[in-house]
Amino acid sequence: MGFHFNVFGRVFMLLLIISLIGYSLSFAGVPGTLIDSYWKLFALVLAISLICGYAYPYARGIRKNDQLLAQIPRQVTHDGAVHTHIDTVMVVASQNGMLGQKIHVKLHNGKRAEGIITAYSGAFSPATIRLTESEV
């Protein structure tokens, strides 16, 4: 059983946002001081910024002309054994879509394909799509 950084990151962000909002709306601290109110305002601004950054890809979805990372499965027979490989290529979305929807994309060689959006873009990774059909 391994450590799941994805789950850790999501739970950490959620708890951080909740604690920042709780602190910014609390009446604890030194009432009437300028320093306390600035820290509470900063906590509220940080919490709202984190919420917007986390929710933006889900609200935006995939737009036409966005670059996506496509996973193309292929099978290779070598010495009588069948090996499955997954190639990854960049494709361009031909239409808008949301997570789980099927959209049309253009491959780098000009051919068209169709696939299902599997993940939105992250801080360091583009959105991904699993191709279901493509031109020969």
C-alpha atoms as a PDB file:
ATOM      1  CA  MET A   1       0.000   0.000   0.000  1.00  0.00           C
ATOM      2  CA  GLY A   2       1.614   3.220  -1.156  1.00  0.00           C
ATOM      3  CA  PHE A   3       1.213   6.821  -0.237  1.00  0.00           C
ATOM      4  CA  HIS A   4      -1.187   8.666  -2.550  1.00  0.00           C
ATOM      5  CA  PHE A   5       0.077  12.213  -3.107  1.00  0.00           C
ATOM      6  CA  ASN A   6      -2.978  13.118  -5.172  1.00  0.00           C
ATOM      7  CA  VAL A   7      -5.361  12.303  -2.315  1.00  0.00           C
ATOM      8  CA  PHE A   8      -3.022  13.961   0.198  1.00  0.00           C
ATOM      9  CA  GLY A   9      -2.872  17.137  -1.880  1.00  0.00           C
ATOM     10  CA  ARG A  10      -6.632  17.382  -2.332  1.00  0.00           C
ATOM     11  CA  VAL A  11      -7.405  16.760   1.334  1.00  0.00           C
ATOM     12  CA  PHE A  12      -4.657  19.172   2.429  1.00  0.00           C
ATOM     13  CA  MET A  13      -6.013  21.921   0.163  1.00  0.00           C
ATOM     14  CA  LEU A  14      -9.576  21.361   1.368  1.00  0.00           C
ATOM     15  CA  LEU A  15      -8.587  21.489   5.042  1.00  0.00           C
ATOM     16  CA  LEU A  16      -6.348  24.517   4.451  1.00  0.00           C
ATOM     17  CA  ILE A  17      -9.215  26.373   2.780  1.00  0.00           C
ATOM     18  CA  ILE A  18     -11.628  25.482   5.590  1.00  0.00           C
ATOM     19  CA  SER A  19      -9.163  26.561   8.285  1.00  0.00           C
ATOM     20  CA  LEU A  20      -8.360  29.842   6.513  1.00  0.00           C
ATOM     21  CA  ILE A  21     -12.046  30.700   6.149  1.00  0.00           C
ATOM     22  CA  GLY A  22     -12.673  29.696   9.765  1.00  0.00           C
ATOM     23  CA  TYR A  23      -9.823  31.900  10.983  1.00  0.00           C
ATOM     24  CA  SER A  24     -10.859  34.858   8.849  1.00  0.00           C
ATOM     25  CA  LEU A  25     -14.436  34.735  10.152  1.00  0.00           C
ATOM     26  CA  SER A  26     -13.533  34.042  13.798  1.00  0.00           C
ATOM     27  CA  PHE A  27     -13.787  36.546  16.618  1.00  0.00           C
ATOM     28  CA  ALA A  28     -10.679  35.203  18.375  1.00  0.00           C
ATOM     29  CA  GLY A  29      -7.519  37.248  18.497  1.00  0.00           C
ATOM     30  CA  VAL A  30      -6.892  40.765  19.659  1.00  0.00           C
ATOM     31  CA  PRO A  31     -10.042  42.688  18.781  1.00  0.00           C
ATOM     32  CA  GLY A  32      -9.648  46.148  17.399  1.00  0.00           C
ATOM     33  CA  THR A  33      -6.016  45.835  16.405  1.00  0.00           C
ATOM     34  CA  LEU A  34      -4.895  46.630  12.918  1.00  0.00           C
ATOM     35  CA  ILE A  35      -2.556  43.622  12.686  1.00  0.00           C
ATOM     36  CA  ASP A  36      -5.249  41.085  13.529  1.00  0.00           C
ATOM     37  CA  SER A  37      -7.671  42.396  10.922  1.00  0.00           C
ATOM     38  CA  TYR A  38      -5.002  42.380   8.183  1.00  0.00           C
ATOM     39  CA  TRP A  39      -4.100  38.748   8.909  1.00  0.00           C
ATOM     40  CA  LYS A  40      -7.757  37.762   8.823  1.00  0.00           C
ATOM     41  CA  LEU A  41      -8.256  39.591   5.542  1.00  0.00           C
ATOM     42  CA  PHE A  42      -5.152  37.907   4.119  1.00  0.00           C
ATOM     43  CA  ALA A  43      -6.475  34.486   5.228  1.00  0.00           C
ATOM     44  CA  LEU A  44      -9.816  35.139   3.508  1.00  0.00           C
ATOM     45  CA  VAL A  45      -8.110  36.314   0.302  1.00  0.00           C
ATOM     46  CA  LEU A  46      -5.827  33.277   0.291  1.00  0.00           C
ATOM     47  CA  ALA A  47      -8.766  30.902   0.840  1.00  0.00           C
ATOM     48  CA  ILE A  48     -10.784  32.434  -1.991  1.00  0.00           C
ATOM     49  CA  SER A  49      -7.737  32.334  -4.291  1.00  0.00           C
ATOM     50  CA  LEU A  50      -7.182  28.641  -3.550  1.00  0.00           C
ATOM     51  CA  ILE A  51     -10.853  27.863  -4.216  1.00  0.00           C
ATOM     52  CA  CYS A  52     -10.752  29.703  -7.554  1.00  0.00           C
ATOM     53  CA  GLY A  53      -7.502  28.034  -8.608  1.00  0.00           C
ATOM     54  CA  TYR A  54      -8.877  24.606  -7.777  1.00  0.00           C
ATOM     55  CA  ALA A  55     -12.291  25.160  -9.407  1.00  0.00           C
ATOM     56  CA  TYR A  56     -11.141  26.966 -12.579  1.00  0.00           C
ATOM     57  CA  PRO A  57     -10.361  23.879 -14.715  1.00  0.00           C
ATOM     58  CA  TYR A  58     -13.742  22.344 -13.827  1.00  0.00           C
ATOM     59  CA  ALA A  59     -15.617  25.547 -14.663  1.00  0.00           C
ATOM     60  CA  ARG A  60     -13.692  26.136 -17.909  1.00  0.00           C
ATOM     61  CA  GLY A  61     -13.509  22.584 -19.213  1.00  0.00           C
ATOM     62  CA  ILE A  62     -11.825  22.016 -22.557  1.00  0.00           C
ATOM     63  CA  ARG A  63     -12.077  24.720 -25.218  1.00  0.00           C
ATOM     64  CA  LYS A  64     -11.584  24.534 -28.956  1.00  0.00           C
ATOM     65  CA  ASN A  65      -7.864  24.737 -29.895  1.00  0.00           C
ATOM     66  CA  ASP A  66      -6.660  23.602 -26.432  1.00  0.00           C
ATOM     67  CA  GLN A  67      -3.748  21.175 -26.531  1.00  0.00           C
ATOM     68  CA  LEU A  68      -4.445  17.788 -24.984  1.00  0.00           C
ATOM     69  CA  LEU A  69      -2.292  14.775 -24.244  1.00  0.00           C
ATOM     70  CA  ALA A  70      -3.731  11.730 -26.031  1.00  0.00           C
ATOM     71  CA  GLN A  71      -3.029   8.168 -25.038  1.00  0.00           C
ATOM     72  CA  ILE A  72      -2.968   5.811 -28.019  1.00  0.00           C
ATOM     73  CA  PRO A  73      -2.829   2.087 -27.189  1.00  0.00           C
ATOM     74  CA  ARG A  74      -1.165  -0.192 -29.727  1.00  0.00           C
ATOM     75  CA  GLN A  75      -0.199  -3.857 -29.781  1.00  0.00           C
ATOM     76  CA  VAL A  76       3.115  -5.182 -31.054  1.00  0.00           C
ATOM     77  CA  THR A  77       3.808  -8.853 -31.710  1.00  0.00           C
ATOM     78  CA  HIS A  78       7.388  -9.891 -31.030  1.00  0.00           C
ATOM     79  CA  ASP A  79       8.564 -13.529 -30.962  1.00  0.00           C
ATOM     80  CA  GLY A  80       4.985 -14.736 -30.785  1.00  0.00           C
ATOM     81  CA  ALA A  81       4.109 -12.631 -27.743  1.00  0.00           C
ATOM     82  CA  VAL A  82       1.732  -9.683 -27.910  1.00  0.00           C
ATOM     83  CA  HIS A  83       2.947  -6.569 -26.097  1.00  0.00           C
ATOM     84  CA  THR A  84       0.698  -3.607 -25.427  1.00  0.00           C
ATOM     85  CA  HIS A  85       2.262  -0.156 -25.587  1.00  0.00           C
ATOM     86  CA  ILE A  86       0.704   3.208 -24.926  1.00  0.00           C
ATOM     87  CA  ASP A  87       1.977   6.091 -27.023  1.00  0.00           C
ATOM     88  CA  THR A  88       1.314   9.642 -25.924  1.00  0.00           C
ATOM     89  CA  VAL A  89       0.978  12.459 -28.429  1.00  0.00           C
ATOM     90  CA  MET A  90      -0.205  16.046 -28.317  1.00  0.00           C
ATOM     91  CA  VAL A  91      -3.503  16.731 -30.076  1.00  0.00           C
ATOM     92  CA  VAL A  92      -5.634  19.853 -30.549  1.00  0.00           C
ATOM     93  CA  ALA A  93      -9.284  19.974 -29.504  1.00  0.00           C
ATOM     94  CA  SER A  94     -11.699  20.678 -32.362  1.00  0.00           C
ATOM     95  CA  GLN A  95     -14.603  21.477 -30.066  1.00  0.00           C
ATOM     96  CA  ASN A  96     -15.470  22.348 -26.470  1.00  0.00           C
ATOM     97  CA  GLY A  97     -16.080  19.630 -23.891  1.00  0.00           C
ATOM     98  CA  MET A  98     -16.248  18.665 -20.243  1.00  0.00           C
ATOM     99  CA  LEU A  99     -14.824  15.752 -18.250  1.00  0.00           C
ATOM    100  CA  GLY A 100     -16.200  12.422 -19.496  1.00  0.00           C
ATOM    101  CA  GLN A 101     -17.537  13.848 -22.764  1.00  0.00           C
ATOM    102  CA  LYS A 102     -16.551  12.667 -26.203  1.00  0.00           C
ATOM    103  CA  ILE A 103     -14.951  15.320 -28.423  1.00  0.00           C
ATOM    104  CA  HIS A 104     -13.212  15.503 -31.798  1.00  0.00           C
ATOM    105  CA  VAL A 105      -9.488  16.292 -31.966  1.00  0.00           C
ATOM    106  CA  LYS A 106      -6.829  16.821 -34.622  1.00  0.00           C
ATOM    107  CA  LEU A 107      -3.630  14.789 -34.554  1.00  0.00           C
ATOM    108  CA  HIS A 108      -0.254  16.361 -35.375  1.00  0.00           C
ATOM    109  CA  ASN A 109      -0.254  14.649 -38.809  1.00  0.00           C
ATOM    110  CA  GLY A 110      -3.532  16.363 -39.784  1.00  0.00           C
ATOM    111  CA  LYS A 111      -5.812  13.377 -39.226  1.00  0.00           C
ATOM    112  CA  ARG A 112      -8.913  13.613 -37.076  1.00  0.00           C
ATOM    113  CA  ALA A 113      -9.842  11.472 -34.099  1.00  0.00           C
ATOM    114  CA  GLU A 114     -12.441  11.198 -31.397  1.00  0.00           C
ATOM    115  CA  GLY A 115     -11.963  10.538 -27.704  1.00  0.00           C
ATOM    116  CA  ILE A 116     -13.197  10.907 -24.156  1.00  0.00           C
ATOM    117  CA  ILE A 117     -11.761  13.586 -21.868  1.00  0.00           C
ATOM    118  CA  THR A 118     -10.200  11.802 -18.891  1.00  0.00           C
ATOM    119  CA  ALA A 119      -8.575  14.658 -16.929  1.00  0.00           C
ATOM    120  CA  TYR A 120      -8.364  18.432 -16.934  1.00  0.00           C
ATOM    121  CA  SER A 121      -5.106  20.297 -17.013  1.00  0.00           C
ATOM    122  CA  GLY A 122      -3.160  20.708 -13.806  1.00  0.00           C
ATOM    123  CA  ALA A 123      -0.432  23.055 -12.701  1.00  0.00           C
ATOM    124  CA  PHE A 124       2.240  21.129 -14.600  1.00  0.00           C
ATOM    125  CA  SER A 125       0.314  18.847 -16.962  1.00  0.00           C
ATOM    126  CA  PRO A 126      -2.019  19.320 -19.897  1.00  0.00           C
ATOM    127  CA  ALA A 127      -5.504  17.855 -20.072  1.00  0.00           C
ATOM    128  CA  THR A 128      -5.676  14.226 -21.201  1.00  0.00           C
ATOM    129  CA  ILE A 129      -7.950  12.362 -23.568  1.00  0.00           C
ATOM    130  CA  ARG A 130      -8.373   8.662 -24.337  1.00  0.00           C
ATOM    131  CA  LEU A 131      -8.828   8.179 -28.075  1.00  0.00           C
ATOM    132  CA  THR A 132     -11.685   5.901 -29.054  1.00  0.00           C
ATOM    133  CA  GLU A 133     -11.730   6.312 -32.848  1.00  0.00           C
ATOM    134  CA  SER A 134      -9.331   7.758 -35.398  1.00  0.00           C
ATOM    135  CA  GLU A 135      -8.885   8.083 -39.153  1.00  0.00           C
ATOM    136  CA  VAL A 136      -6.721   5.456 -40.787  1.00  0.00           C
END
